[in-house]
N, C-alpha and C. Protein backbone atom coordinates (compact mmCIF):
# COMPACT_ATOMS: atom_id res chain seq x y z
N MET A 1 -73.66 26.86 -98.23
CA MET A 1 -73.74 25.44 -97.70
C MET A 1 -74.97 25.41 -96.68
N LYS A 2 -75.72 24.28 -96.98
CA LYS A 2 -76.69 24.22 -95.96
C LYS A 2 -76.30 23.56 -94.72
N PRO A 3 -76.30 24.00 -93.47
CA PRO A 3 -75.83 23.33 -92.17
C PRO A 3 -76.53 22.14 -91.73
N PHE A 4 -75.62 21.19 -91.10
CA PHE A 4 -76.26 20.05 -90.76
C PHE A 4 -77.18 20.18 -89.85
N THR A 5 -78.18 19.27 -89.81
CA THR A 5 -79.17 19.31 -88.89
C THR A 5 -78.69 18.28 -87.53
N LYS A 6 -79.31 18.43 -86.63
CA LYS A 6 -78.89 17.87 -85.36
C LYS A 6 -78.56 16.24 -85.64
N SER A 7 -79.60 15.52 -86.17
CA SER A 7 -79.65 14.04 -86.42
C SER A 7 -78.36 13.97 -87.60
N GLU A 8 -78.06 14.77 -88.59
CA GLU A 8 -77.05 14.60 -89.43
C GLU A 8 -75.91 14.68 -88.60
N ALA A 9 -75.71 15.62 -87.81
CA ALA A 9 -74.28 15.94 -87.06
C ALA A 9 -73.97 14.61 -86.27
N ILE A 10 -75.26 14.15 -85.58
CA ILE A 10 -74.94 12.99 -84.63
C ILE A 10 -74.52 11.80 -85.62
N ILE A 11 -75.01 11.36 -86.88
CA ILE A 11 -74.50 10.32 -87.60
C ILE A 11 -73.16 10.67 -88.07
N VAL A 12 -72.99 12.02 -88.41
CA VAL A 12 -71.33 12.23 -88.92
C VAL A 12 -70.39 11.89 -87.75
N SER A 13 -70.78 12.20 -86.44
CA SER A 13 -69.96 12.14 -85.33
C SER A 13 -69.56 10.80 -85.14
N LEU A 14 -70.69 9.86 -85.34
CA LEU A 14 -70.67 8.47 -85.20
C LEU A 14 -69.75 7.66 -86.15
N ILE A 15 -69.74 8.13 -87.31
CA ILE A 15 -69.03 7.62 -88.54
C ILE A 15 -67.37 7.85 -87.96
N PHE A 16 -67.07 9.16 -87.75
CA PHE A 16 -65.91 9.47 -87.31
C PHE A 16 -65.30 8.67 -86.26
N LEU A 17 -66.24 8.57 -85.18
CA LEU A 17 -66.08 7.60 -84.15
C LEU A 17 -65.57 6.35 -84.37
N ILE A 18 -66.39 5.86 -85.08
CA ILE A 18 -66.01 4.21 -85.56
C ILE A 18 -64.79 4.14 -86.38
N VAL A 19 -64.61 5.17 -87.41
CA VAL A 19 -63.35 5.09 -88.31
C VAL A 19 -61.94 5.33 -87.04
N PHE A 20 -62.21 6.11 -86.27
CA PHE A 20 -61.10 6.39 -85.40
C PHE A 20 -60.91 5.33 -84.42
N SER A 21 -61.75 4.50 -84.03
CA SER A 21 -61.73 3.32 -83.26
C SER A 21 -61.11 2.07 -84.08
N VAL A 22 -61.47 2.05 -85.26
CA VAL A 22 -61.01 0.84 -86.24
C VAL A 22 -59.48 1.06 -86.38
N THR A 23 -59.17 2.36 -86.83
CA THR A 23 -57.68 2.87 -87.01
C THR A 23 -57.05 2.61 -85.73
N SER A 24 -57.41 2.87 -84.54
CA SER A 24 -56.64 2.90 -83.38
C SER A 24 -56.25 1.63 -83.13
N LEU A 25 -57.52 0.78 -83.21
CA LEU A 25 -57.22 -0.81 -82.71
C LEU A 25 -56.33 -1.46 -83.78
N GLY A 26 -56.07 -1.06 -85.04
CA GLY A 26 -55.23 -1.59 -86.02
C GLY A 26 -53.97 -1.15 -85.69
N LEU A 27 -53.86 0.02 -85.15
CA LEU A 27 -52.58 0.70 -84.84
C LEU A 27 -51.99 -0.14 -83.58
N LYS A 28 -52.87 -0.32 -82.66
CA LYS A 28 -52.29 -0.97 -81.54
C LYS A 28 -52.08 -2.27 -81.80
N THR A 29 -52.56 -3.01 -82.59
CA THR A 29 -52.39 -4.43 -82.91
C THR A 29 -50.99 -4.34 -83.74
N SER A 30 -50.75 -3.65 -84.83
CA SER A 30 -49.51 -3.51 -85.29
C SER A 30 -48.25 -3.20 -84.36
N LEU A 31 -48.41 -2.26 -83.47
CA LEU A 31 -47.44 -2.14 -82.56
C LEU A 31 -47.14 -3.25 -81.52
N ARG A 32 -48.12 -3.98 -81.03
CA ARG A 32 -48.10 -5.21 -80.45
C ARG A 32 -47.29 -6.29 -81.11
N ARG A 33 -47.61 -6.28 -82.33
CA ARG A 33 -46.89 -7.51 -83.31
C ARG A 33 -45.52 -7.12 -83.54
N ALA A 34 -45.19 -5.67 -83.53
CA ALA A 34 -43.81 -5.35 -83.55
C ALA A 34 -42.92 -5.54 -82.36
N ARG A 35 -43.73 -5.36 -81.19
CA ARG A 35 -43.11 -5.60 -80.10
C ARG A 35 -42.80 -7.29 -79.89
N ASP A 36 -43.66 -7.92 -80.22
CA ASP A 36 -43.51 -9.44 -80.08
C ASP A 36 -42.48 -9.89 -81.26
N ALA A 37 -42.49 -9.28 -82.30
CA ALA A 37 -41.26 -9.64 -83.19
C ALA A 37 -39.88 -9.36 -82.80
N GLY A 38 -40.01 -8.41 -82.31
CA GLY A 38 -38.51 -7.84 -81.44
C GLY A 38 -38.15 -8.79 -80.20
N ARG A 39 -39.21 -9.37 -79.61
CA ARG A 39 -38.80 -10.27 -78.28
C ARG A 39 -38.21 -11.53 -79.02
N VAL A 40 -38.77 -12.11 -80.03
CA VAL A 40 -38.20 -13.04 -80.70
C VAL A 40 -36.87 -12.92 -81.35
N SER A 41 -36.78 -11.95 -82.09
CA SER A 41 -35.54 -11.62 -82.72
C SER A 41 -34.30 -11.29 -81.55
N ASP A 42 -34.81 -10.69 -80.43
CA ASP A 42 -33.77 -10.42 -79.43
C ASP A 42 -33.25 -11.81 -78.76
N LEU A 43 -34.23 -12.65 -78.45
CA LEU A 43 -34.05 -13.77 -77.77
C LEU A 43 -33.06 -14.78 -78.91
N GLY A 44 -33.27 -14.58 -79.88
CA GLY A 44 -32.47 -15.26 -81.03
C GLY A 44 -30.96 -14.51 -81.03
N THR A 45 -30.88 -13.36 -80.98
CA THR A 45 -29.58 -12.86 -81.00
C THR A 45 -28.81 -12.94 -79.80
N LEU A 46 -29.46 -13.08 -78.60
CA LEU A 46 -28.83 -13.58 -77.34
C LEU A 46 -28.46 -14.89 -77.41
N THR A 47 -29.29 -15.81 -77.88
CA THR A 47 -29.04 -17.39 -77.87
C THR A 47 -27.77 -17.45 -78.63
N ASP A 48 -27.45 -16.87 -80.01
CA ASP A 48 -26.21 -16.78 -80.74
C ASP A 48 -25.05 -16.24 -80.02
N ALA A 49 -25.17 -15.34 -79.21
CA ALA A 49 -24.12 -14.84 -78.29
C ALA A 49 -23.54 -15.90 -77.33
N LEU A 50 -24.65 -16.26 -76.66
CA LEU A 50 -24.34 -17.17 -75.41
C LEU A 50 -23.61 -18.75 -76.14
N LEU A 51 -24.23 -19.04 -77.35
CA LEU A 51 -23.40 -20.20 -78.01
C LEU A 51 -21.94 -19.91 -78.32
N THR A 52 -21.80 -18.51 -78.88
CA THR A 52 -20.27 -18.25 -79.03
C THR A 52 -19.52 -18.22 -77.80
N PHE A 53 -20.13 -17.78 -76.67
CA PHE A 53 -19.72 -17.77 -75.59
C PHE A 53 -19.09 -18.97 -75.08
N TYR A 54 -20.23 -19.93 -75.15
CA TYR A 54 -19.81 -21.35 -74.86
C TYR A 54 -18.66 -21.94 -75.55
N GLU A 55 -18.58 -21.61 -76.96
CA GLU A 55 -17.49 -22.19 -77.60
C GLU A 55 -16.06 -21.63 -77.05
N ASP A 56 -16.09 -20.35 -76.72
CA ASP A 56 -14.81 -19.99 -76.13
C ASP A 56 -14.31 -20.21 -74.86
N TYR A 57 -15.57 -20.37 -73.76
CA TYR A 57 -15.22 -20.52 -72.37
C TYR A 57 -15.41 -22.10 -71.86
N GLY A 58 -16.47 -22.60 -72.76
CA GLY A 58 -16.67 -24.02 -72.32
C GLY A 58 -17.93 -24.17 -71.26
N PHE A 59 -18.41 -23.05 -70.86
CA PHE A 59 -19.59 -23.11 -70.39
C PHE A 59 -20.53 -21.91 -70.43
N PHE A 60 -21.67 -21.92 -70.15
CA PHE A 60 -22.75 -20.90 -70.32
C PHE A 60 -22.67 -19.85 -69.13
N PRO A 61 -22.91 -18.61 -69.39
CA PRO A 61 -22.91 -17.63 -68.15
C PRO A 61 -23.91 -18.32 -67.06
N PRO A 62 -23.76 -18.18 -65.82
CA PRO A 62 -24.57 -18.65 -64.73
C PRO A 62 -25.75 -17.58 -64.80
N SER A 63 -26.91 -18.00 -64.06
CA SER A 63 -28.00 -17.16 -64.02
C SER A 63 -28.20 -16.94 -62.42
N GLU A 64 -28.89 -15.67 -62.15
CA GLU A 64 -29.16 -15.37 -60.82
C GLU A 64 -30.46 -14.32 -61.06
N GLU A 65 -31.36 -14.59 -60.10
CA GLU A 65 -32.60 -13.47 -60.36
C GLU A 65 -33.14 -13.62 -61.55
N GLY A 66 -32.94 -14.70 -62.57
CA GLY A 66 -33.61 -14.63 -63.80
C GLY A 66 -32.72 -13.66 -64.82
N LYS A 67 -31.56 -13.51 -64.45
CA LYS A 67 -30.65 -12.49 -65.18
C LYS A 67 -29.33 -13.62 -65.54
N ILE A 68 -28.64 -12.77 -66.43
CA ILE A 68 -27.26 -13.45 -66.61
C ILE A 68 -26.37 -12.85 -65.70
N LYS A 69 -25.37 -13.71 -65.13
CA LYS A 69 -24.48 -13.46 -64.14
C LYS A 69 -23.13 -13.49 -64.70
N MET A 70 -22.81 -12.42 -65.60
CA MET A 70 -21.39 -12.65 -66.21
C MET A 70 -20.61 -11.28 -66.31
N CYS A 71 -20.87 -10.40 -65.51
CA CYS A 71 -20.34 -8.98 -65.37
C CYS A 71 -19.62 -8.78 -64.24
N LYS A 72 -18.47 -8.09 -64.61
CA LYS A 72 -17.52 -7.85 -63.49
C LYS A 72 -18.06 -7.25 -62.20
N GLY A 73 -17.76 -8.03 -61.09
CA GLY A 73 -18.18 -7.30 -59.91
C GLY A 73 -17.01 -6.53 -59.28
N LYS A 74 -17.27 -5.57 -57.99
CA LYS A 74 -16.27 -4.87 -57.56
C LYS A 74 -14.77 -5.50 -57.20
N ASN A 75 -14.90 -6.70 -56.86
CA ASN A 75 -13.72 -7.40 -56.33
C ASN A 75 -13.21 -8.38 -57.39
N PHE A 76 -13.64 -8.06 -58.80
CA PHE A 76 -13.06 -8.97 -59.91
C PHE A 76 -11.66 -8.85 -60.21
N ASP A 77 -10.96 -7.92 -60.17
CA ASP A 77 -9.62 -7.69 -60.24
C ASP A 77 -8.80 -8.41 -59.25
N SER A 78 -8.89 -8.11 -58.07
CA SER A 78 -8.37 -8.99 -57.14
C SER A 78 -8.32 -10.29 -57.20
N VAL A 79 -9.81 -10.71 -57.30
CA VAL A 79 -9.92 -11.96 -57.38
C VAL A 79 -9.25 -12.92 -58.82
N LEU A 80 -9.41 -12.27 -59.82
CA LEU A 80 -8.65 -12.77 -61.00
C LEU A 80 -7.12 -12.93 -60.84
N ALA A 81 -6.46 -11.95 -60.04
CA ALA A 81 -5.20 -12.06 -59.54
C ALA A 81 -4.78 -13.27 -58.82
N GLN A 82 -5.73 -13.58 -58.03
CA GLN A 82 -5.41 -14.47 -57.10
C GLN A 82 -5.60 -15.94 -57.96
N MET A 83 -6.56 -15.94 -58.89
CA MET A 83 -6.70 -17.18 -59.66
C MET A 83 -5.61 -17.37 -60.76
N LYS A 84 -4.79 -16.42 -60.90
CA LYS A 84 -3.43 -16.73 -61.86
C LYS A 84 -2.48 -17.35 -61.22
N GLU A 85 -2.73 -17.27 -59.91
CA GLU A 85 -1.61 -18.16 -58.98
C GLU A 85 -2.04 -19.39 -58.75
N ASP A 86 -3.44 -19.88 -58.85
CA ASP A 86 -3.83 -20.99 -58.87
C ASP A 86 -3.40 -22.23 -59.80
N LYS A 87 -3.33 -23.45 -59.32
CA LYS A 87 -2.81 -24.57 -60.51
C LYS A 87 -4.06 -24.70 -61.15
N GLU A 88 -5.21 -24.77 -60.71
CA GLU A 88 -6.28 -25.25 -61.34
C GLU A 88 -7.50 -24.14 -61.41
N PHE A 89 -8.24 -24.17 -62.61
CA PHE A 89 -9.17 -23.16 -62.80
C PHE A 89 -10.45 -23.36 -61.67
N ASP A 90 -10.81 -22.37 -60.95
CA ASP A 90 -11.82 -22.74 -59.77
C ASP A 90 -12.94 -21.81 -60.18
N PHE A 91 -14.10 -22.49 -60.83
CA PHE A 91 -15.26 -21.66 -61.30
C PHE A 91 -16.04 -21.11 -60.13
N GLY A 92 -15.89 -21.58 -58.95
CA GLY A 92 -16.70 -20.94 -57.73
C GLY A 92 -15.92 -19.65 -57.54
N LYS A 93 -14.89 -19.73 -57.47
CA LYS A 93 -13.99 -18.47 -57.11
C LYS A 93 -14.17 -17.47 -58.27
N LEU A 94 -14.27 -17.67 -59.62
CA LEU A 94 -14.54 -16.75 -60.49
C LEU A 94 -16.27 -16.13 -60.36
N GLU A 95 -17.00 -17.02 -60.05
CA GLU A 95 -18.35 -16.79 -60.01
C GLU A 95 -18.55 -15.63 -58.73
N SER A 96 -17.82 -15.84 -57.72
CA SER A 96 -17.78 -14.89 -56.63
C SER A 96 -17.45 -13.53 -56.91
N ALA A 97 -16.68 -13.34 -58.06
CA ALA A 97 -16.14 -12.17 -58.56
C ALA A 97 -17.12 -11.53 -59.39
N LEU A 98 -18.17 -12.33 -59.71
CA LEU A 98 -19.24 -11.79 -60.86
C LEU A 98 -20.46 -11.04 -60.37
N ARG A 99 -21.11 -10.03 -60.97
CA ARG A 99 -22.32 -9.66 -60.50
C ARG A 99 -23.45 -10.08 -61.73
N ILE A 100 -24.80 -9.40 -61.36
CA ILE A 100 -25.68 -9.71 -62.42
C ILE A 100 -25.63 -8.87 -63.45
N CYS A 101 -25.73 -9.30 -64.71
CA CYS A 101 -25.76 -8.08 -65.84
C CYS A 101 -27.20 -7.76 -65.89
N GLU A 102 -27.47 -6.38 -66.36
CA GLU A 102 -28.87 -5.92 -66.17
C GLU A 102 -28.99 -5.82 -67.64
N TRP A 103 -30.40 -6.14 -67.94
CA TRP A 103 -30.99 -6.18 -69.10
C TRP A 103 -30.91 -4.77 -69.49
N GLY A 104 -30.56 -4.60 -70.94
CA GLY A 104 -30.58 -3.18 -71.57
C GLY A 104 -29.41 -2.22 -71.42
N SER A 105 -28.48 -2.55 -70.45
CA SER A 105 -27.52 -1.84 -70.16
C SER A 105 -25.96 -2.38 -70.30
N ASP A 106 -25.91 -3.54 -69.64
CA ASP A 106 -24.61 -4.11 -69.69
C ASP A 106 -24.38 -4.90 -71.12
N SER A 107 -23.08 -5.21 -71.27
CA SER A 107 -22.76 -6.31 -72.60
C SER A 107 -22.35 -7.54 -71.95
N LEU A 108 -22.34 -8.36 -73.02
CA LEU A 108 -21.78 -9.71 -72.75
C LEU A 108 -20.49 -9.90 -73.40
N SER A 109 -19.34 -9.90 -72.76
CA SER A 109 -18.09 -9.72 -73.37
C SER A 109 -17.09 -10.70 -72.67
N ASP A 110 -15.80 -10.50 -73.14
CA ASP A 110 -14.88 -11.51 -72.72
C ASP A 110 -14.39 -10.91 -71.42
N ILE A 111 -14.67 -11.35 -70.33
CA ILE A 111 -14.29 -10.66 -68.91
C ILE A 111 -13.00 -10.96 -68.63
N LEU A 112 -12.30 -11.77 -69.15
CA LEU A 112 -10.81 -12.10 -69.00
C LEU A 112 -9.92 -11.34 -69.71
N ASP A 113 -10.54 -10.56 -70.44
CA ASP A 113 -9.54 -9.64 -71.64
C ASP A 113 -10.30 -8.50 -72.14
N ASP A 114 -10.10 -7.39 -71.38
CA ASP A 114 -10.76 -6.03 -71.85
C ASP A 114 -10.75 -5.68 -73.33
N THR A 115 -9.66 -6.09 -73.77
CA THR A 115 -9.56 -5.80 -75.29
C THR A 115 -10.11 -6.92 -76.29
N GLY A 116 -10.82 -7.91 -75.47
CA GLY A 116 -11.27 -9.15 -76.14
C GLY A 116 -12.65 -8.77 -77.03
N LEU A 117 -13.09 -10.06 -77.38
CA LEU A 117 -14.30 -10.23 -78.02
C LEU A 117 -15.47 -9.77 -77.09
N VAL A 118 -16.36 -8.99 -77.81
CA VAL A 118 -17.61 -8.59 -77.42
C VAL A 118 -18.71 -9.38 -77.99
N TYR A 119 -19.44 -10.34 -77.25
CA TYR A 119 -20.40 -11.12 -77.76
C TYR A 119 -21.55 -10.43 -77.99
N LEU A 120 -21.80 -9.33 -77.16
CA LEU A 120 -23.24 -8.67 -77.21
C LEU A 120 -22.98 -7.37 -76.83
N GLU A 121 -23.20 -6.00 -77.74
CA GLU A 121 -22.55 -4.82 -77.19
C GLU A 121 -23.78 -4.59 -75.93
N ARG A 122 -24.82 -4.88 -76.11
CA ARG A 122 -25.84 -4.60 -74.96
C ARG A 122 -26.77 -5.80 -74.86
N ILE A 123 -26.95 -6.38 -73.80
CA ILE A 123 -27.97 -7.36 -73.61
C ILE A 123 -29.32 -6.99 -73.59
N PRO A 124 -30.06 -7.60 -74.48
CA PRO A 124 -31.52 -6.96 -74.97
C PRO A 124 -32.26 -6.90 -73.81
N ILE A 125 -33.29 -6.01 -73.89
CA ILE A 125 -34.35 -5.73 -72.59
C ILE A 125 -35.83 -5.67 -73.40
N ASP A 126 -36.73 -6.18 -72.61
CA ASP A 126 -37.93 -6.37 -73.24
C ASP A 126 -38.42 -4.95 -73.45
N PRO A 127 -39.07 -4.79 -74.52
CA PRO A 127 -39.69 -3.53 -74.83
C PRO A 127 -40.71 -2.84 -73.94
N ARG A 128 -41.32 -3.65 -73.00
CA ARG A 128 -42.07 -3.14 -72.02
C ARG A 128 -41.71 -3.55 -70.69
N ASP A 129 -40.39 -3.39 -70.43
CA ASP A 129 -39.68 -3.81 -69.21
C ASP A 129 -40.27 -2.60 -68.29
N GLY A 130 -40.27 -1.61 -68.86
CA GLY A 130 -40.90 -0.49 -67.68
C GLY A 130 -42.40 -0.76 -67.23
N GLN A 131 -42.85 -1.48 -68.19
CA GLN A 131 -44.53 -2.01 -67.64
C GLN A 131 -44.44 -3.26 -66.93
N GLY A 132 -43.30 -3.55 -66.48
CA GLY A 132 -43.17 -4.84 -65.77
C GLY A 132 -43.00 -6.15 -66.53
N MET A 133 -42.71 -6.23 -67.79
CA MET A 133 -42.62 -7.47 -68.64
C MET A 133 -41.04 -7.54 -68.65
N LYS A 134 -40.54 -8.75 -68.36
CA LYS A 134 -39.19 -9.08 -68.52
C LYS A 134 -38.73 -10.35 -69.30
N PHE A 135 -37.66 -10.52 -69.61
CA PHE A 135 -36.95 -11.55 -70.09
C PHE A 135 -36.59 -12.39 -68.93
N LEU A 136 -36.32 -13.73 -69.15
CA LEU A 136 -36.09 -14.56 -67.94
C LEU A 136 -35.13 -15.50 -68.41
N TYR A 137 -33.76 -15.36 -67.90
CA TYR A 137 -32.71 -16.28 -68.01
C TYR A 137 -32.34 -17.51 -66.96
N LEU A 138 -32.31 -18.55 -67.42
CA LEU A 138 -31.86 -19.62 -66.37
C LEU A 138 -30.97 -20.64 -66.89
N SER A 139 -29.86 -20.84 -66.08
CA SER A 139 -28.56 -21.49 -66.40
C SER A 139 -27.92 -22.33 -65.52
N ASN A 140 -27.50 -23.44 -65.53
CA ASN A 140 -26.68 -24.31 -64.49
C ASN A 140 -25.13 -24.22 -65.34
N THR A 141 -24.94 -23.38 -66.28
CA THR A 141 -23.49 -23.46 -66.96
C THR A 141 -23.40 -24.50 -68.11
N ARG A 142 -24.10 -25.53 -67.85
CA ARG A 142 -24.10 -26.54 -68.89
C ARG A 142 -25.12 -26.34 -70.00
N HIS A 143 -26.21 -26.07 -69.38
CA HIS A 143 -27.50 -25.62 -70.27
C HIS A 143 -27.99 -24.36 -69.93
N PHE A 144 -28.89 -23.76 -70.97
CA PHE A 144 -29.49 -22.62 -70.70
C PHE A 144 -30.85 -22.65 -71.17
N GLN A 145 -31.59 -21.76 -70.58
CA GLN A 145 -33.18 -21.46 -71.18
C GLN A 145 -33.22 -19.97 -71.01
N VAL A 146 -33.90 -19.22 -72.22
CA VAL A 146 -34.18 -17.75 -72.01
C VAL A 146 -35.73 -17.62 -72.47
N TYR A 147 -36.44 -16.90 -71.70
CA TYR A 147 -37.75 -16.87 -72.03
C TYR A 147 -38.59 -15.58 -72.22
N ALA A 148 -39.40 -15.25 -73.00
CA ALA A 148 -40.05 -14.03 -72.92
C ALA A 148 -41.70 -14.12 -73.01
N TYR A 149 -42.40 -13.02 -72.77
CA TYR A 149 -43.86 -13.12 -72.85
C TYR A 149 -44.16 -12.55 -74.03
N LEU A 150 -44.89 -13.17 -74.73
CA LEU A 150 -45.57 -12.59 -76.21
C LEU A 150 -47.01 -11.95 -75.83
N GLU A 151 -47.22 -10.85 -76.01
CA GLU A 151 -48.36 -10.00 -75.89
C GLU A 151 -49.61 -10.53 -76.80
N GLY A 152 -49.32 -10.90 -77.87
CA GLY A 152 -50.39 -11.53 -78.74
C GLY A 152 -50.59 -13.02 -78.50
N GLU A 153 -50.00 -13.45 -77.58
CA GLU A 153 -50.38 -14.77 -77.17
C GLU A 153 -50.52 -15.92 -78.24
N ASP A 154 -51.50 -16.60 -78.29
CA ASP A 154 -51.59 -17.72 -79.20
C ASP A 154 -51.70 -17.14 -80.66
N GLU A 155 -51.87 -15.96 -80.72
CA GLU A 155 -52.03 -15.30 -82.20
C GLU A 155 -50.67 -15.12 -83.02
N GLU A 156 -49.68 -15.33 -81.86
CA GLU A 156 -48.20 -15.13 -82.22
C GLU A 156 -47.71 -16.46 -82.84
N ALA A 157 -46.72 -16.42 -83.65
CA ALA A 157 -45.83 -17.61 -84.11
C ALA A 157 -44.60 -17.72 -82.91
N GLY A 158 -44.62 -18.95 -82.61
CA GLY A 158 -43.47 -19.04 -81.47
C GLY A 158 -44.27 -19.26 -80.22
N TYR A 159 -45.55 -18.88 -79.99
CA TYR A 159 -46.39 -19.08 -78.66
C TYR A 159 -46.28 -20.77 -78.36
N ASN A 160 -45.91 -20.94 -77.14
CA ASN A 160 -45.95 -22.28 -76.76
C ASN A 160 -46.68 -22.63 -75.64
N GLU A 161 -47.62 -23.56 -75.57
CA GLU A 161 -48.56 -23.80 -74.53
C GLU A 161 -47.76 -24.72 -73.46
N LYS A 162 -46.72 -25.22 -73.85
CA LYS A 162 -46.04 -26.25 -72.91
C LYS A 162 -45.25 -25.34 -72.13
N ILE A 163 -44.67 -24.13 -72.73
CA ILE A 163 -44.05 -23.22 -71.66
C ILE A 163 -44.75 -22.71 -70.72
N VAL A 164 -46.18 -22.10 -71.47
CA VAL A 164 -47.22 -21.52 -70.47
C VAL A 164 -47.44 -22.40 -69.34
N ALA A 165 -47.40 -23.57 -69.51
CA ALA A 165 -47.94 -24.72 -68.45
C ALA A 165 -46.89 -24.87 -67.42
N ARG A 166 -45.65 -24.50 -67.65
CA ARG A 166 -44.66 -24.42 -66.45
C ARG A 166 -44.88 -23.43 -65.64
N ASN A 167 -45.63 -22.36 -66.10
CA ASN A 167 -45.99 -21.01 -65.08
C ASN A 167 -44.76 -20.18 -64.63
N LEU A 168 -43.96 -19.98 -65.47
CA LEU A 168 -42.60 -19.10 -65.16
C LEU A 168 -43.10 -17.86 -65.62
N PHE A 169 -42.63 -17.04 -64.39
CA PHE A 169 -42.96 -15.45 -64.65
C PHE A 169 -42.04 -14.68 -65.47
N CYS A 170 -42.24 -13.98 -66.34
CA CYS A 170 -41.34 -13.09 -67.19
C CYS A 170 -41.96 -11.62 -66.86
N GLY A 171 -41.54 -11.28 -65.47
CA GLY A 171 -42.02 -10.02 -64.82
C GLY A 171 -43.36 -10.35 -64.45
N ILE A 172 -44.29 -9.49 -64.86
CA ILE A 172 -45.67 -9.66 -64.39
C ILE A 172 -46.61 -10.65 -65.17
N GLU A 173 -46.01 -11.17 -66.23
CA GLU A 173 -46.81 -11.99 -67.21
C GLU A 173 -45.99 -13.31 -67.21
N ILE A 174 -46.85 -14.56 -67.59
CA ILE A 174 -46.51 -15.90 -67.78
C ILE A 174 -45.84 -15.99 -69.05
N CYS A 175 -44.40 -16.55 -68.99
CA CYS A 175 -43.52 -16.61 -70.09
C CYS A 175 -44.24 -17.61 -71.12
N SER A 176 -44.29 -17.32 -72.52
CA SER A 176 -44.95 -17.87 -73.43
C SER A 176 -44.04 -18.33 -74.85
N PHE A 177 -42.76 -17.83 -74.80
CA PHE A 177 -41.84 -18.04 -75.71
C PHE A 177 -40.57 -18.54 -75.28
N GLY A 178 -39.78 -19.22 -75.88
CA GLY A 178 -38.29 -19.25 -75.46
C GLY A 178 -37.28 -20.05 -76.25
N LYS A 179 -36.16 -19.68 -75.99
CA LYS A 179 -34.85 -20.30 -76.65
C LYS A 179 -33.94 -21.11 -75.78
N SER A 180 -33.16 -22.07 -76.18
CA SER A 180 -32.44 -22.90 -75.33
C SER A 180 -31.19 -23.10 -75.95
N SER A 181 -30.18 -23.71 -75.09
CA SER A 181 -29.02 -24.58 -75.71
C SER A 181 -29.39 -25.71 -76.35
N GLY A 182 -28.86 -25.88 -77.56
CA GLY A 182 -28.89 -27.27 -78.01
C GLY A 182 -30.35 -28.09 -78.01
N GLU A 183 -30.16 -29.11 -77.36
CA GLU A 183 -31.48 -29.82 -77.40
C GLU A 183 -32.34 -29.52 -76.11
N THR A 184 -31.78 -28.78 -75.39
CA THR A 184 -32.66 -28.52 -73.85
C THR A 184 -33.83 -28.05 -74.13
N PRO A 185 -34.91 -28.67 -73.59
CA PRO A 185 -36.19 -28.50 -73.91
C PRO A 185 -36.70 -27.22 -73.08
N LEU A 186 -37.65 -26.71 -73.33
CA LEU A 186 -38.07 -25.49 -72.82
C LEU A 186 -39.37 -25.80 -71.88
N ASP A 187 -39.82 -26.93 -71.76
CA ASP A 187 -41.16 -27.37 -71.16
C ASP A 187 -40.95 -27.84 -70.04
N LYS A 188 -39.48 -28.13 -69.44
CA LYS A 188 -39.19 -28.80 -68.35
C LYS A 188 -38.03 -28.02 -67.76
N SER A 189 -37.63 -27.93 -66.26
CA SER A 189 -36.55 -27.33 -65.95
C SER A 189 -35.28 -28.03 -66.26
N ILE A 190 -34.17 -27.26 -66.04
CA ILE A 190 -32.97 -27.94 -66.49
C ILE A 190 -32.55 -29.19 -65.57
N GLU A 191 -32.84 -28.87 -64.39
CA GLU A 191 -32.45 -30.07 -63.49
C GLU A 191 -33.22 -31.19 -63.79
N ASP A 192 -34.54 -31.20 -64.32
CA ASP A 192 -35.12 -32.39 -64.63
C ASP A 192 -34.73 -32.93 -65.92
N TYR A 193 -34.23 -32.21 -66.82
CA TYR A 193 -33.63 -32.68 -68.19
C TYR A 193 -32.48 -33.40 -67.74
N GLU A 194 -31.63 -32.82 -66.86
CA GLU A 194 -30.44 -33.42 -66.57
C GLU A 194 -30.63 -34.94 -66.02
N GLU A 195 -31.74 -34.88 -65.29
CA GLU A 195 -32.00 -36.43 -64.40
C GLU A 195 -32.22 -37.36 -65.44
N GLU A 196 -33.21 -36.87 -66.57
CA GLU A 196 -33.70 -37.64 -67.68
C GLU A 196 -32.36 -38.17 -68.50
N LEU A 197 -31.51 -37.28 -68.59
CA LEU A 197 -30.19 -37.67 -69.39
C LEU A 197 -29.55 -38.71 -68.58
N ASP A 198 -29.34 -38.54 -67.35
CA ASP A 198 -28.74 -39.36 -66.64
C ASP A 198 -29.32 -40.70 -66.47
N ARG A 199 -30.69 -40.86 -66.53
CA ARG A 199 -31.30 -42.19 -66.40
C ARG A 199 -31.13 -42.83 -67.82
N LEU A 200 -31.20 -42.00 -69.00
CA LEU A 200 -30.81 -42.78 -70.13
C LEU A 200 -29.50 -43.39 -70.42
N ARG A 201 -28.37 -42.33 -69.60
CA ARG A 201 -27.15 -43.00 -69.63
C ARG A 201 -26.88 -44.18 -68.62
N THR A 202 -27.62 -44.38 -67.87
CA THR A 202 -27.38 -45.47 -66.71
C THR A 202 -28.30 -46.51 -66.80
N GLY A 203 -29.67 -46.19 -67.62
CA GLY A 203 -30.64 -47.21 -67.51
C GLY A 203 -31.21 -47.40 -66.46
N LYS A 204 -31.31 -46.31 -65.44
CA LYS A 204 -31.94 -46.59 -64.15
C LYS A 204 -33.14 -45.73 -64.15
């Protein structure tokens, strides 16, 4: 077989380089879309769990540092024992016995009954949490919003420019997708939404 000339070898190398680049780009795009699809699915699963939690407890888990605060703290058992002696339920006392739940490791469960319902075996975590991308959870116990950053940005279904305009940080990136309780909007704060509801009720 006749060996390649120098110019032919260069042409073949360039062809292989182009094919590799195109294949690599397609693979990166597929992986990115898979991560974004996972984010959308995870926030949907989390929303369903939070709504079920609300049906049982009558409130949504509070938030702290952009995370769910509904895991047992070190003083939980002693505080719970005190609460059982109280005539009325004191949410503030309960919250003082709670700690932040970590994305990807803690579960969302019935904290008052260890043998009870587990709403979510493991609270989801952003697939690129290690690279600084995070989910963001906001709640005042009456309403909640949970957000994520979509890497594909406006190429992805669910990308919301109004969420982007809020300039909320999902880790190192600006949040661009979200889910919420009921009719709670995603393009304004929960506080602003409640003020709006109050104005509608009072007519002021």
